[in-house]
Amino acid sequence: MNADDQTGLYLLTPPKIDLAVFSDRLKSVLDTGAIDCLQLRLKDISDDDVRKAIDAILPLCSDRDIPLILNDRPDIAKKSGCDGVHIGEDDTGYDEARAIMGDEHIVGVSCYDSRHRAMELGEKGADYVAFGAFYPTETKEAKTSVTPEILEIWTTFTTVPCVAIGGITAENLGPIVAAGADFIAVTAGVWNHPDGPEAGAKAIKLAIATAFDDL
């Protein structure tokens, strides 16, 4: 998902969007060059609306060589041409998701605070594991809270990429980057940035690039 060794910025969409307005906002954010991966994470909408969102967003990602990951729904992801799917503990099981997506597509998994779950799914072939929440978040109610130590332990024993998620901003990501996160997953830190989402994306990318300067 990320071509270099620097921690990547994995952007999640807001859970509710007005597609007519959002497409232009997203294009502007992607054009900053700061985004390494995008997850389409929509809640409480119909399957048809999910497909419409993919149809609008996928070309924006493909034109910029940015993988588009759909949350929860491997069936829609595969048929709609997404690059992958992200599943949580209460979603489609990993084995079923992999069977639907095939080996050529990304299957990422939420592992919360469980290194055991991460190891089990990593050994099965998950393309990345996500740990969190690292900080309080208003985007969703976090099931668990973790510290950067879980990333340090994970990266010591395995090469399966890890994603850090939960309340991460340009101001607090330093310890997470230092602990070895392959990707920083962000929602509000970009979309709710006071100077706009473009500024939010650039600020996080700059913070990643300078995370080791003060260590």
N, C-alpha and C. Protein backbone atom coordinates (compact mmCIF):
# COMPACT_ATOMS: atom_id res chain seq x y z
N MET A 1 0.81 -1.21 0.00
CA MET A 1 0.00 0.00 0.00
C MET A 1 0.84 1.26 0.00
N ASN A 2 2.08 1.18 0.49
CA ASN A 2 2.94 2.35 0.59
C ASN A 2 4.28 2.03 -0.04
N ALA A 3 4.72 2.87 -0.95
CA ALA A 3 5.89 2.53 -1.74
C ALA A 3 7.20 2.74 -1.00
N ASP A 4 7.23 3.59 0.00
CA ASP A 4 8.49 3.85 0.69
C ASP A 4 8.40 3.41 2.14
N ASP A 5 9.48 3.71 2.89
CA ASP A 5 9.56 3.24 4.27
C ASP A 5 8.91 4.20 5.25
N GLN A 6 8.51 5.38 4.81
CA GLN A 6 7.90 6.34 5.72
C GLN A 6 6.48 5.91 6.06
N THR A 7 6.09 6.18 7.29
CA THR A 7 4.72 5.89 7.72
C THR A 7 3.73 6.56 6.76
N GLY A 8 2.76 5.78 6.29
CA GLY A 8 1.79 6.29 5.33
C GLY A 8 0.57 6.88 6.01
N LEU A 9 -0.12 7.74 5.28
CA LEU A 9 -1.37 8.34 5.77
C LEU A 9 -2.54 7.60 5.13
N TYR A 10 -3.30 6.93 5.98
CA TYR A 10 -4.46 6.12 5.57
C TYR A 10 -5.70 6.92 5.97
N LEU A 11 -6.32 7.53 4.99
CA LEU A 11 -7.46 8.42 5.25
C LEU A 11 -8.77 7.65 5.20
N LEU A 12 -9.62 7.88 6.20
CA LEU A 12 -10.97 7.32 6.22
C LEU A 12 -11.96 8.42 5.88
N THR A 13 -12.98 8.08 5.11
CA THR A 13 -14.02 9.06 4.84
C THR A 13 -14.88 9.25 6.08
N PRO A 14 -15.55 10.39 6.20
CA PRO A 14 -16.55 10.53 7.26
C PRO A 14 -17.64 9.47 7.08
N PRO A 15 -18.31 9.06 8.16
CA PRO A 15 -19.32 8.01 8.06
C PRO A 15 -20.56 8.42 7.28
N LYS A 16 -20.78 9.72 7.12
CA LYS A 16 -21.90 10.22 6.31
C LYS A 16 -21.37 11.32 5.40
N ILE A 17 -21.71 11.25 4.11
CA ILE A 17 -21.23 12.24 3.16
C ILE A 17 -22.37 12.65 2.22
N ASP A 18 -22.27 13.87 1.72
CA ASP A 18 -23.12 14.33 0.62
C ASP A 18 -22.26 14.20 -0.63
N LEU A 19 -22.51 13.17 -1.40
CA LEU A 19 -21.63 12.81 -2.50
C LEU A 19 -21.42 13.96 -3.48
N ALA A 20 -22.45 14.75 -3.72
CA ALA A 20 -22.35 15.85 -4.67
C ALA A 20 -21.28 16.86 -4.25
N VAL A 21 -21.15 17.06 -2.96
CA VAL A 21 -20.15 18.00 -2.43
C VAL A 21 -18.85 17.29 -2.12
N PHE A 22 -18.95 16.07 -1.62
CA PHE A 22 -17.78 15.37 -1.11
C PHE A 22 -16.78 15.02 -2.21
N SER A 23 -17.23 14.67 -3.37
CA SER A 23 -16.31 14.27 -4.44
C SER A 23 -15.28 15.35 -4.73
N ASP A 24 -15.72 16.60 -4.80
CA ASP A 24 -14.79 17.70 -5.06
C ASP A 24 -13.85 17.93 -3.88
N ARG A 25 -14.38 17.80 -2.67
CA ARG A 25 -13.53 17.94 -1.47
C ARG A 25 -12.46 16.86 -1.45
N LEU A 26 -12.89 15.64 -1.75
CA LEU A 26 -11.94 14.53 -1.74
C LEU A 26 -10.87 14.71 -2.81
N LYS A 27 -11.28 15.11 -4.00
CA LYS A 27 -10.31 15.33 -5.08
C LYS A 27 -9.25 16.32 -4.65
N SER A 28 -9.68 17.40 -3.99
CA SER A 28 -8.74 18.41 -3.53
C SER A 28 -7.77 17.86 -2.49
N VAL A 29 -8.28 17.00 -1.60
CA VAL A 29 -7.41 16.39 -0.58
C VAL A 29 -6.43 15.42 -1.23
N LEU A 30 -6.91 14.59 -2.14
CA LEU A 30 -6.03 13.63 -2.81
C LEU A 30 -4.96 14.34 -3.62
N ASP A 31 -5.29 15.50 -4.17
CA ASP A 31 -4.33 16.24 -4.98
C ASP A 31 -3.20 16.85 -4.16
N THR A 32 -3.30 16.82 -2.84
CA THR A 32 -2.18 17.29 -2.01
C THR A 32 -1.00 16.33 -2.09
N GLY A 33 -1.26 15.10 -2.50
CA GLY A 33 -0.20 14.10 -2.55
C GLY A 33 0.12 13.49 -1.19
N ALA A 34 -0.66 13.83 -0.18
CA ALA A 34 -0.38 13.36 1.18
C ALA A 34 -1.01 12.02 1.51
N ILE A 35 -1.98 11.58 0.70
CA ILE A 35 -2.76 10.40 1.04
C ILE A 35 -2.17 9.16 0.36
N ASP A 36 -1.95 8.12 1.15
CA ASP A 36 -1.39 6.87 0.63
C ASP A 36 -2.44 5.79 0.43
N CYS A 37 -3.56 5.89 1.13
CA CYS A 37 -4.62 4.90 1.03
C CYS A 37 -5.91 5.55 1.52
N LEU A 38 -7.03 5.16 0.91
CA LEU A 38 -8.33 5.72 1.31
C LEU A 38 -9.29 4.59 1.65
N GLN A 39 -9.95 4.73 2.79
CA GLN A 39 -11.01 3.79 3.14
C GLN A 39 -12.36 4.48 3.06
N LEU A 40 -13.26 3.88 2.29
CA LEU A 40 -14.64 4.37 2.20
C LEU A 40 -15.41 3.72 3.34
N ARG A 41 -15.77 4.53 4.31
CA ARG A 41 -16.42 4.02 5.52
C ARG A 41 -17.74 4.77 5.71
N LEU A 42 -18.81 4.20 5.18
CA LEU A 42 -20.13 4.82 5.26
C LEU A 42 -21.05 3.97 6.13
N LYS A 43 -21.84 4.62 6.94
CA LYS A 43 -22.72 3.92 7.87
C LYS A 43 -24.18 4.28 7.62
N ASP A 44 -25.04 3.28 7.81
CA ASP A 44 -26.50 3.47 7.77
C ASP A 44 -26.99 4.02 6.44
N ILE A 45 -26.45 3.47 5.34
CA ILE A 45 -26.95 3.82 4.01
C ILE A 45 -27.19 2.53 3.23
N SER A 46 -27.92 2.64 2.14
CA SER A 46 -28.28 1.47 1.35
C SER A 46 -27.09 0.97 0.55
N ASP A 47 -27.17 -0.29 0.12
CA ASP A 47 -26.12 -0.85 -0.73
C ASP A 47 -25.98 -0.05 -2.02
N ASP A 48 -27.10 0.39 -2.58
CA ASP A 48 -27.05 1.17 -3.82
C ASP A 48 -26.28 2.47 -3.61
N ASP A 49 -26.47 3.10 -2.46
CA ASP A 49 -25.75 4.35 -2.19
C ASP A 49 -24.26 4.08 -1.98
N VAL A 50 -23.92 2.95 -1.40
CA VAL A 50 -22.52 2.58 -1.27
C VAL A 50 -21.90 2.42 -2.66
N ARG A 51 -22.61 1.74 -3.54
CA ARG A 51 -22.11 1.54 -4.91
C ARG A 51 -21.96 2.86 -5.65
N LYS A 52 -22.92 3.77 -5.46
CA LYS A 52 -22.82 5.08 -6.11
C LYS A 52 -21.59 5.83 -5.61
N ALA A 53 -21.32 5.72 -4.31
CA ALA A 53 -20.15 6.39 -3.75
C ALA A 53 -18.86 5.81 -4.34
N ILE A 54 -18.82 4.48 -4.45
CA ILE A 54 -17.64 3.85 -5.05
C ILE A 54 -17.46 4.30 -6.49
N ASP A 55 -18.54 4.34 -7.24
CA ASP A 55 -18.46 4.75 -8.65
C ASP A 55 -17.90 6.17 -8.79
N ALA A 56 -18.22 7.03 -7.83
CA ALA A 56 -17.72 8.40 -7.88
C ALA A 56 -16.28 8.52 -7.38
N ILE A 57 -15.93 7.73 -6.37
CA ILE A 57 -14.65 7.89 -5.69
C ILE A 57 -13.54 7.04 -6.31
N LEU A 58 -13.86 5.85 -6.78
CA LEU A 58 -12.83 4.95 -7.29
C LEU A 58 -11.99 5.57 -8.41
N PRO A 59 -12.60 6.25 -9.38
CA PRO A 59 -11.77 6.87 -10.43
C PRO A 59 -10.79 7.91 -9.89
N LEU A 60 -11.21 8.66 -8.86
CA LEU A 60 -10.32 9.65 -8.26
C LEU A 60 -9.09 8.98 -7.66
N CYS A 61 -9.31 7.83 -7.02
CA CYS A 61 -8.21 7.09 -6.42
C CYS A 61 -7.34 6.42 -7.48
N SER A 62 -7.98 5.78 -8.44
CA SER A 62 -7.24 5.06 -9.48
C SER A 62 -6.34 6.01 -10.27
N ASP A 63 -6.84 7.19 -10.59
CA ASP A 63 -6.06 8.17 -11.35
C ASP A 63 -4.81 8.61 -10.61
N ARG A 64 -4.81 8.47 -9.28
CA ARG A 64 -3.69 8.92 -8.47
C ARG A 64 -2.93 7.74 -7.84
N ASP A 65 -3.27 6.53 -8.27
CA ASP A 65 -2.61 5.31 -7.79
C ASP A 65 -2.73 5.18 -6.27
N ILE A 66 -3.93 5.49 -5.75
CA ILE A 66 -4.21 5.38 -4.33
C ILE A 66 -5.20 4.24 -4.12
N PRO A 67 -4.87 3.21 -3.36
CA PRO A 67 -5.80 2.11 -3.15
C PRO A 67 -7.08 2.58 -2.45
N LEU A 68 -8.22 2.06 -2.92
CA LEU A 68 -9.50 2.32 -2.28
C LEU A 68 -9.95 1.06 -1.55
N ILE A 69 -10.12 1.18 -0.25
CA ILE A 69 -10.54 0.07 0.60
C ILE A 69 -11.97 0.35 1.07
N LEU A 70 -12.85 -0.63 0.93
CA LEU A 70 -14.22 -0.48 1.41
C LEU A 70 -14.35 -1.11 2.79
N ASN A 71 -15.02 -0.42 3.67
CA ASN A 71 -15.24 -0.96 5.01
C ASN A 71 -16.38 -1.97 5.02
N ASP A 72 -16.18 -3.08 5.67
CA ASP A 72 -17.23 -4.06 6.03
C ASP A 72 -17.71 -5.02 4.94
N ARG A 73 -17.75 -4.60 3.67
CA ARG A 73 -18.52 -5.33 2.67
C ARG A 73 -17.66 -5.89 1.53
N PRO A 74 -17.07 -7.08 1.73
CA PRO A 74 -16.26 -7.66 0.66
C PRO A 74 -17.06 -7.96 -0.60
N ASP A 75 -18.35 -8.29 -0.45
CA ASP A 75 -19.16 -8.60 -1.63
C ASP A 75 -19.28 -7.40 -2.55
N ILE A 76 -19.57 -6.23 -1.96
CA ILE A 76 -19.67 -5.01 -2.77
C ILE A 76 -18.28 -4.58 -3.25
N ALA A 77 -17.29 -4.71 -2.39
CA ALA A 77 -15.94 -4.28 -2.75
C ALA A 77 -15.44 -4.99 -4.00
N LYS A 78 -15.62 -6.30 -4.03
CA LYS A 78 -15.11 -7.07 -5.16
C LYS A 78 -15.87 -6.73 -6.45
N LYS A 79 -17.18 -6.70 -6.38
CA LYS A 79 -17.99 -6.46 -7.58
C LYS A 79 -17.83 -5.03 -8.09
N SER A 80 -17.48 -4.10 -7.20
CA SER A 80 -17.39 -2.69 -7.59
C SER A 80 -15.98 -2.29 -8.00
N GLY A 81 -15.02 -3.19 -7.87
CA GLY A 81 -13.68 -2.90 -8.33
C GLY A 81 -12.77 -2.24 -7.32
N CYS A 82 -13.15 -2.26 -6.03
CA CYS A 82 -12.27 -1.71 -5.01
C CYS A 82 -10.98 -2.52 -4.90
N ASP A 83 -9.95 -1.88 -4.38
CA ASP A 83 -8.66 -2.56 -4.23
C ASP A 83 -8.64 -3.50 -3.04
N GLY A 84 -9.58 -3.31 -2.11
CA GLY A 84 -9.58 -4.17 -0.94
C GLY A 84 -10.75 -3.90 -0.03
N VAL A 85 -10.74 -4.59 1.11
CA VAL A 85 -11.81 -4.46 2.10
C VAL A 85 -11.18 -4.45 3.48
N HIS A 86 -11.83 -3.74 4.40
CA HIS A 86 -11.42 -3.74 5.80
C HIS A 86 -12.54 -4.32 6.64
N ILE A 87 -12.21 -5.27 7.50
CA ILE A 87 -13.24 -5.93 8.30
C ILE A 87 -12.91 -5.84 9.79
N GLY A 88 -13.97 -5.65 10.57
CA GLY A 88 -13.85 -5.65 12.01
C GLY A 88 -14.27 -6.98 12.59
N GLU A 89 -14.22 -7.07 13.89
CA GLU A 89 -14.52 -8.33 14.57
C GLU A 89 -15.96 -8.77 14.35
N ASP A 90 -16.87 -7.81 14.20
CA ASP A 90 -18.29 -8.13 14.05
C ASP A 90 -18.75 -8.16 12.59
N ASP A 91 -17.81 -8.01 11.66
CA ASP A 91 -18.15 -8.01 10.24
C ASP A 91 -17.95 -9.42 9.66
N THR A 92 -17.95 -9.50 8.35
CA THR A 92 -17.65 -10.76 7.67
C THR A 92 -16.34 -11.34 8.20
N GLY A 93 -16.29 -12.65 8.41
CA GLY A 93 -15.07 -13.28 8.90
C GLY A 93 -13.94 -13.19 7.89
N TYR A 94 -12.71 -13.30 8.39
CA TYR A 94 -11.55 -13.15 7.50
C TYR A 94 -11.57 -14.19 6.37
N ASP A 95 -11.81 -15.44 6.70
CA ASP A 95 -11.76 -16.50 5.68
C ASP A 95 -12.75 -16.23 4.55
N GLU A 96 -13.96 -15.80 4.93
CA GLU A 96 -14.97 -15.50 3.91
C GLU A 96 -14.57 -14.29 3.08
N ALA A 97 -14.05 -13.26 3.76
CA ALA A 97 -13.62 -12.06 3.05
C ALA A 97 -12.51 -12.37 2.06
N ARG A 98 -11.56 -13.20 2.47
CA ARG A 98 -10.46 -13.55 1.57
C ARG A 98 -10.96 -14.38 0.40
N ALA A 99 -11.89 -15.28 0.67
CA ALA A 99 -12.45 -16.11 -0.40
C ALA A 99 -13.15 -15.24 -1.44
N ILE A 100 -13.84 -14.21 -0.98
CA ILE A 100 -14.54 -13.31 -1.90
C ILE A 100 -13.55 -12.42 -2.66
N MET A 101 -12.60 -11.85 -1.95
CA MET A 101 -11.70 -10.87 -2.55
C MET A 101 -10.61 -11.51 -3.40
N GLY A 102 -10.19 -12.72 -3.02
CA GLY A 102 -9.07 -13.34 -3.72
C GLY A 102 -7.74 -12.84 -3.19
N ASP A 103 -6.67 -13.52 -3.57
CA ASP A 103 -5.35 -13.18 -3.05
C ASP A 103 -4.79 -11.88 -3.62
N GLU A 104 -5.35 -11.44 -4.74
CA GLU A 104 -4.80 -10.25 -5.40
C GLU A 104 -5.33 -8.95 -4.81
N HIS A 105 -6.30 -9.03 -3.91
CA HIS A 105 -6.86 -7.83 -3.30
C HIS A 105 -6.47 -7.74 -1.83
N ILE A 106 -6.55 -6.53 -1.29
CA ILE A 106 -6.18 -6.26 0.10
C ILE A 106 -7.32 -6.66 1.03
N VAL A 107 -6.96 -7.38 2.09
CA VAL A 107 -7.90 -7.63 3.19
C VAL A 107 -7.21 -7.18 4.48
N GLY A 108 -7.72 -6.10 5.06
CA GLY A 108 -7.19 -5.60 6.32
C GLY A 108 -8.16 -5.89 7.45
N VAL A 109 -7.64 -5.98 8.67
CA VAL A 109 -8.47 -6.41 9.80
C VAL A 109 -8.25 -5.51 11.01
N SER A 110 -9.34 -5.21 11.72
CA SER A 110 -9.26 -4.52 13.00
C SER A 110 -8.90 -5.53 14.08
N CYS A 111 -7.89 -5.19 14.87
CA CYS A 111 -7.47 -6.10 15.95
C CYS A 111 -7.53 -5.43 17.32
N TYR A 112 -7.91 -4.16 17.36
CA TYR A 112 -8.18 -3.46 18.61
C TYR A 112 -6.95 -3.50 19.52
N ASP A 113 -7.03 -4.19 20.66
CA ASP A 113 -5.88 -4.29 21.57
C ASP A 113 -5.34 -5.72 21.62
N SER A 114 -5.72 -6.55 20.65
CA SER A 114 -5.41 -7.98 20.71
C SER A 114 -4.26 -8.37 19.78
N ARG A 115 -3.08 -8.58 20.37
CA ARG A 115 -1.97 -9.10 19.57
C ARG A 115 -2.25 -10.54 19.15
N HIS A 116 -3.02 -11.26 19.96
CA HIS A 116 -3.35 -12.65 19.60
C HIS A 116 -4.19 -12.68 18.32
N ARG A 117 -5.23 -11.84 18.26
CA ARG A 117 -6.05 -11.77 17.04
C ARG A 117 -5.19 -11.34 15.85
N ALA A 118 -4.34 -10.36 16.07
CA ALA A 118 -3.48 -9.88 14.99
C ALA A 118 -2.55 -10.97 14.48
N MET A 119 -1.96 -11.71 15.40
CA MET A 119 -1.03 -12.78 15.00
C MET A 119 -1.77 -13.88 14.25
N GLU A 120 -2.93 -14.23 14.75
CA GLU A 120 -3.73 -15.29 14.13
C GLU A 120 -4.11 -14.92 12.70
N LEU A 121 -4.60 -13.68 12.51
CA LEU A 121 -5.03 -13.26 11.18
C LEU A 121 -3.85 -12.91 10.29
N GLY A 122 -2.78 -12.43 10.89
CA GLY A 122 -1.57 -12.19 10.12
C GLY A 122 -1.01 -13.48 9.53
N GLU A 123 -1.05 -14.54 10.32
CA GLU A 123 -0.58 -15.84 9.85
C GLU A 123 -1.49 -16.40 8.76
N LYS A 124 -2.78 -16.03 8.80
CA LYS A 124 -3.71 -16.48 7.76
C LYS A 124 -3.52 -15.73 6.45
N GLY A 125 -2.86 -14.57 6.53
CA GLY A 125 -2.61 -13.84 5.31
C GLY A 125 -3.17 -12.45 5.23
N ALA A 126 -3.65 -11.90 6.35
CA ALA A 126 -4.15 -10.52 6.33
C ALA A 126 -3.06 -9.59 5.83
N ASP A 127 -3.45 -8.62 5.01
CA ASP A 127 -2.47 -7.71 4.42
C ASP A 127 -2.02 -6.64 5.39
N TYR A 128 -2.85 -6.33 6.37
CA TYR A 128 -2.44 -5.45 7.45
C TYR A 128 -3.36 -5.69 8.64
N VAL A 129 -2.87 -5.32 9.82
CA VAL A 129 -3.67 -5.39 11.05
C VAL A 129 -3.74 -3.98 11.63
N ALA A 130 -4.89 -3.63 12.19
CA ALA A 130 -5.10 -2.29 12.74
C ALA A 130 -5.29 -2.37 14.24
N PHE A 131 -4.53 -1.55 14.97
CA PHE A 131 -4.63 -1.47 16.42
C PHE A 131 -5.20 -0.12 16.84
N GLY A 132 -5.96 -0.09 17.94
CA GLY A 132 -6.49 1.17 18.45
C GLY A 132 -7.63 0.92 19.43
N ALA A 133 -8.14 1.97 20.04
CA ALA A 133 -7.85 3.36 19.72
C ALA A 133 -6.70 3.88 20.58
N PHE A 134 -5.84 4.70 19.95
CA PHE A 134 -4.70 5.25 20.66
C PHE A 134 -5.07 6.47 21.49
N TYR A 135 -6.04 7.23 21.01
CA TYR A 135 -6.50 8.42 21.72
C TYR A 135 -8.03 8.45 21.65
N PRO A 136 -8.67 9.21 22.53
CA PRO A 136 -10.13 9.34 22.45
C PRO A 136 -10.56 9.87 21.08
N THR A 137 -11.68 9.39 20.60
CA THR A 137 -12.15 9.79 19.28
C THR A 137 -13.65 10.01 19.30
N GLU A 138 -14.10 11.01 18.53
CA GLU A 138 -15.53 11.27 18.42
C GLU A 138 -16.13 10.59 17.19
N THR A 139 -15.28 10.01 16.34
CA THR A 139 -15.77 9.40 15.11
C THR A 139 -16.60 8.16 15.38
N LYS A 140 -16.14 7.34 16.31
CA LYS A 140 -16.88 6.15 16.69
C LYS A 140 -16.51 5.79 18.12
N GLU A 141 -17.36 5.04 18.78
CA GLU A 141 -17.08 4.61 20.16
C GLU A 141 -16.04 3.50 20.12
N ALA A 142 -14.89 3.77 20.69
CA ALA A 142 -13.80 2.81 20.66
C ALA A 142 -14.06 1.65 21.61
N LYS A 143 -13.80 0.43 21.11
CA LYS A 143 -13.96 -0.75 21.95
C LYS A 143 -12.83 -0.88 22.95
N THR A 144 -11.66 -0.42 22.56
CA THR A 144 -10.46 -0.63 23.37
C THR A 144 -9.56 0.59 23.28
N SER A 145 -8.62 0.69 24.19
CA SER A 145 -7.57 1.70 24.10
C SER A 145 -6.22 1.02 24.21
N VAL A 146 -5.23 1.56 23.50
CA VAL A 146 -3.91 0.96 23.46
C VAL A 146 -2.86 2.05 23.57
N THR A 147 -1.61 1.64 23.79
CA THR A 147 -0.48 2.55 23.81
C THR A 147 0.47 2.17 22.68
N PRO A 148 1.42 3.03 22.34
CA PRO A 148 2.36 2.71 21.27
C PRO A 148 3.16 1.43 21.50
N GLU A 149 3.21 0.97 22.73
CA GLU A 149 3.97 -0.25 23.03
C GLU A 149 3.49 -1.44 22.18
N ILE A 150 2.18 -1.49 21.88
CA ILE A 150 1.66 -2.61 21.11
C ILE A 150 2.28 -2.63 19.71
N LEU A 151 2.59 -1.46 19.17
CA LEU A 151 3.23 -1.38 17.86
C LEU A 151 4.69 -1.80 17.94
N GLU A 152 5.36 -1.39 19.01
CA GLU A 152 6.76 -1.78 19.19
C GLU A 152 6.90 -3.29 19.27
N ILE A 153 6.02 -3.92 20.04
CA ILE A 153 6.06 -5.38 20.19
C ILE A 153 5.74 -6.04 18.85
N TRP A 154 4.70 -5.53 18.18
CA TRP A 154 4.28 -6.13 16.91
C TRP A 154 5.40 -6.08 15.86
N THR A 155 6.00 -4.92 15.70
CA THR A 155 7.01 -4.78 14.65
C THR A 155 8.31 -5.50 14.98
N THR A 156 8.49 -5.85 16.24
CA THR A 156 9.68 -6.63 16.63
C THR A 156 9.57 -8.07 16.17
N PHE A 157 8.34 -8.59 16.15
CA PHE A 157 8.16 -10.03 15.92
C PHE A 157 7.57 -10.39 14.57
N THR A 158 7.10 -9.42 13.79
CA THR A 158 6.48 -9.77 12.51
C THR A 158 6.66 -8.65 11.51
N THR A 159 6.56 -9.00 10.23
CA THR A 159 6.67 -8.01 9.16
C THR A 159 5.29 -7.64 8.59
N VAL A 160 4.21 -8.20 9.13
CA VAL A 160 2.87 -7.84 8.66
C VAL A 160 2.63 -6.37 8.99
N PRO A 161 2.28 -5.55 8.00
CA PRO A 161 2.10 -4.12 8.25
C PRO A 161 1.03 -3.85 9.31
N CYS A 162 1.25 -2.79 10.11
CA CYS A 162 0.30 -2.42 11.15
C CYS A 162 -0.17 -0.99 10.94
N VAL A 163 -1.45 -0.80 11.22
CA VAL A 163 -2.11 0.49 11.10
C VAL A 163 -2.53 0.95 12.49
N ALA A 164 -2.24 2.20 12.81
CA ALA A 164 -2.67 2.79 14.09
C ALA A 164 -3.88 3.67 13.83
N ILE A 165 -4.89 3.55 14.70
CA ILE A 165 -6.14 4.29 14.49
C ILE A 165 -6.69 4.78 15.82
N GLY A 166 -7.42 5.89 15.76
CA GLY A 166 -8.12 6.36 16.95
C GLY A 166 -7.64 7.70 17.46
N GLY A 167 -8.30 8.78 17.06
CA GLY A 167 -8.02 10.10 17.61
C GLY A 167 -6.66 10.67 17.25
N ILE A 168 -6.05 10.20 16.18
CA ILE A 168 -4.70 10.62 15.83
C ILE A 168 -4.72 11.94 15.06
N THR A 169 -3.85 12.85 15.48
CA THR A 169 -3.72 14.15 14.84
C THR A 169 -2.24 14.45 14.59
N ALA A 170 -1.99 15.54 13.89
CA ALA A 170 -0.60 15.95 13.64
C ALA A 170 0.13 16.22 14.95
N GLU A 171 -0.62 16.63 15.99
CA GLU A 171 0.02 16.99 17.25
C GLU A 171 0.38 15.80 18.12
N ASN A 172 -0.29 14.66 17.94
CA ASN A 172 -0.06 13.54 18.87
C ASN A 172 0.50 12.29 18.21
N LEU A 173 0.83 12.34 16.92
CA LEU A 173 1.22 11.11 16.23
C LEU A 173 2.68 10.71 16.43
N GLY A 174 3.50 11.60 16.98
CA GLY A 174 4.92 11.33 17.11
C GLY A 174 5.27 10.00 17.75
N PRO A 175 4.74 9.69 18.94
CA PRO A 175 5.07 8.42 19.59
C PRO A 175 4.62 7.20 18.78
N ILE A 176 3.54 7.34 18.02
CA ILE A 176 3.03 6.22 17.22
C ILE A 176 3.94 5.94 16.04
N VAL A 177 4.40 7.00 15.39
CA VAL A 177 5.36 6.84 14.30
C VAL A 177 6.66 6.24 14.83
N ALA A 178 7.13 6.76 15.96
CA ALA A 178 8.38 6.26 16.55
C ALA A 178 8.28 4.80 16.94
N ALA A 179 7.07 4.36 17.29
CA ALA A 179 6.87 2.96 17.70
C ALA A 179 6.83 2.01 16.52
N GLY A 180 6.75 2.53 15.30
CA GLY A 180 6.85 1.67 14.13
C GLY A 180 5.60 1.49 13.31
N ALA A 181 4.58 2.33 13.50
CA ALA A 181 3.36 2.19 12.69
C ALA A 181 3.68 2.32 11.21
N ASP A 182 3.14 1.39 10.42
CA ASP A 182 3.32 1.49 8.97
C ASP A 182 2.37 2.51 8.37
N PHE A 183 1.19 2.64 8.98
CA PHE A 183 0.19 3.61 8.52
C PHE A 183 -0.49 4.26 9.72
N ILE A 184 -0.82 5.53 9.55
CA ILE A 184 -1.63 6.27 10.51
C ILE A 184 -3.01 6.45 9.88
N ALA A 185 -4.06 5.91 10.52
CA ALA A 185 -5.42 6.05 10.00
C ALA A 185 -6.07 7.26 10.66
N VAL A 186 -6.62 8.14 9.83
CA VAL A 186 -7.14 9.42 10.32
C VAL A 186 -8.49 9.72 9.68
N THR A 187 -9.40 10.23 10.48
CA THR A 187 -10.67 10.76 9.96
C THR A 187 -10.77 12.25 10.33
N ALA A 188 -11.13 12.52 11.57
CA ALA A 188 -11.37 13.90 12.01
C ALA A 188 -10.13 14.77 11.89
N GLY A 189 -8.94 14.19 12.08
CA GLY A 189 -7.71 14.97 11.99
C GLY A 189 -7.50 15.61 10.64
N VAL A 190 -8.16 15.08 9.62
CA VAL A 190 -8.13 15.69 8.29
C VAL A 190 -9.41 16.47 8.02
N TRP A 191 -10.56 15.78 8.11
CA TRP A 191 -11.82 16.40 7.68
C TRP A 191 -12.26 17.54 8.57
N ASN A 192 -11.90 17.50 9.86
CA ASN A 192 -12.32 18.55 10.79
C ASN A 192 -11.22 19.57 11.08
N HIS A 193 -10.16 19.55 10.30
CA HIS A 193 -9.07 20.49 10.54
C HIS A 193 -9.58 21.92 10.39
N PRO A 194 -9.23 22.82 11.30
CA PRO A 194 -9.77 24.19 11.26
C PRO A 194 -9.45 24.95 9.98
N ASP A 195 -8.37 24.58 9.31
CA ASP A 195 -7.99 25.27 8.07
C ASP A 195 -8.39 24.49 6.83
N GLY A 196 -9.23 23.46 7.02
CA GLY A 196 -9.70 22.67 5.89
C GLY A 196 -8.98 21.34 5.77
N PRO A 197 -9.60 20.37 5.10
CA PRO A 197 -9.02 19.04 5.01
C PRO A 197 -7.70 18.98 4.26
N GLU A 198 -7.51 19.86 3.29
CA GLU A 198 -6.22 19.87 2.58
C GLU A 198 -5.09 20.22 3.54
N ALA A 199 -5.33 21.24 4.35
CA ALA A 199 -4.34 21.64 5.35
C ALA A 199 -4.13 20.52 6.37
N GLY A 200 -5.22 19.85 6.75
CA GLY A 200 -5.11 18.74 7.70
C GLY A 200 -4.23 17.62 7.17
N ALA A 201 -4.44 17.25 5.91
CA ALA A 201 -3.64 16.18 5.31
C ALA A 201 -2.17 16.57 5.24
N LYS A 202 -1.91 17.79 4.83
CA LYS A 202 -0.52 18.25 4.72
C LYS A 202 0.15 18.31 6.10
N ALA A 203 -0.61 18.75 7.11
CA ALA A 203 -0.05 18.86 8.46
C ALA A 203 0.34 17.50 9.01
N ILE A 204 -0.51 16.50 8.76
CA ILE A 204 -0.21 15.16 9.25
C ILE A 204 1.00 14.58 8.52
N LYS A 205 1.06 14.78 7.22
CA LYS A 205 2.20 14.27 6.45
C LYS A 205 3.50 14.92 6.90
N LEU A 206 3.45 16.23 7.19
CA LEU A 206 4.63 16.93 7.68
C LEU A 206 5.02 16.41 9.06
N ALA A 207 4.03 16.19 9.92
CA ALA A 207 4.30 15.68 11.26
C ALA A 207 4.93 14.29 11.20
N ILE A 208 4.48 13.46 10.27
CA ILE A 208 5.09 12.14 10.08
C ILE A 208 6.55 12.29 9.67
N ALA A 209 6.81 13.18 8.72
CA ALA A 209 8.16 13.35 8.19
C ALA A 209 9.14 13.89 9.23
N THR A 210 8.59 14.62 10.21
CA THR A 210 9.48 15.24 11.22
C THR A 210 9.33 14.59 12.60
N ALA A 211 8.70 13.43 12.65
CA ALA A 211 8.41 12.81 13.95
C ALA A 211 9.65 12.47 14.75
N PHE A 212 10.76 12.20 14.08
CA PHE A 212 11.98 11.80 14.80
C PHE A 212 12.89 12.99 15.12
N ASP A 213 12.52 14.18 14.68
CA ASP A 213 13.41 15.32 14.84
C ASP A 213 13.69 15.68 16.28
N ASP A 214 12.68 15.50 17.14
CA ASP A 214 12.81 15.91 18.54
C ASP A 214 13.13 14.74 19.48
N LEU A 215 13.36 13.55 18.90
CA LEU A 215 13.62 12.39 19.76
C LEU A 215 15.10 12.31 20.12
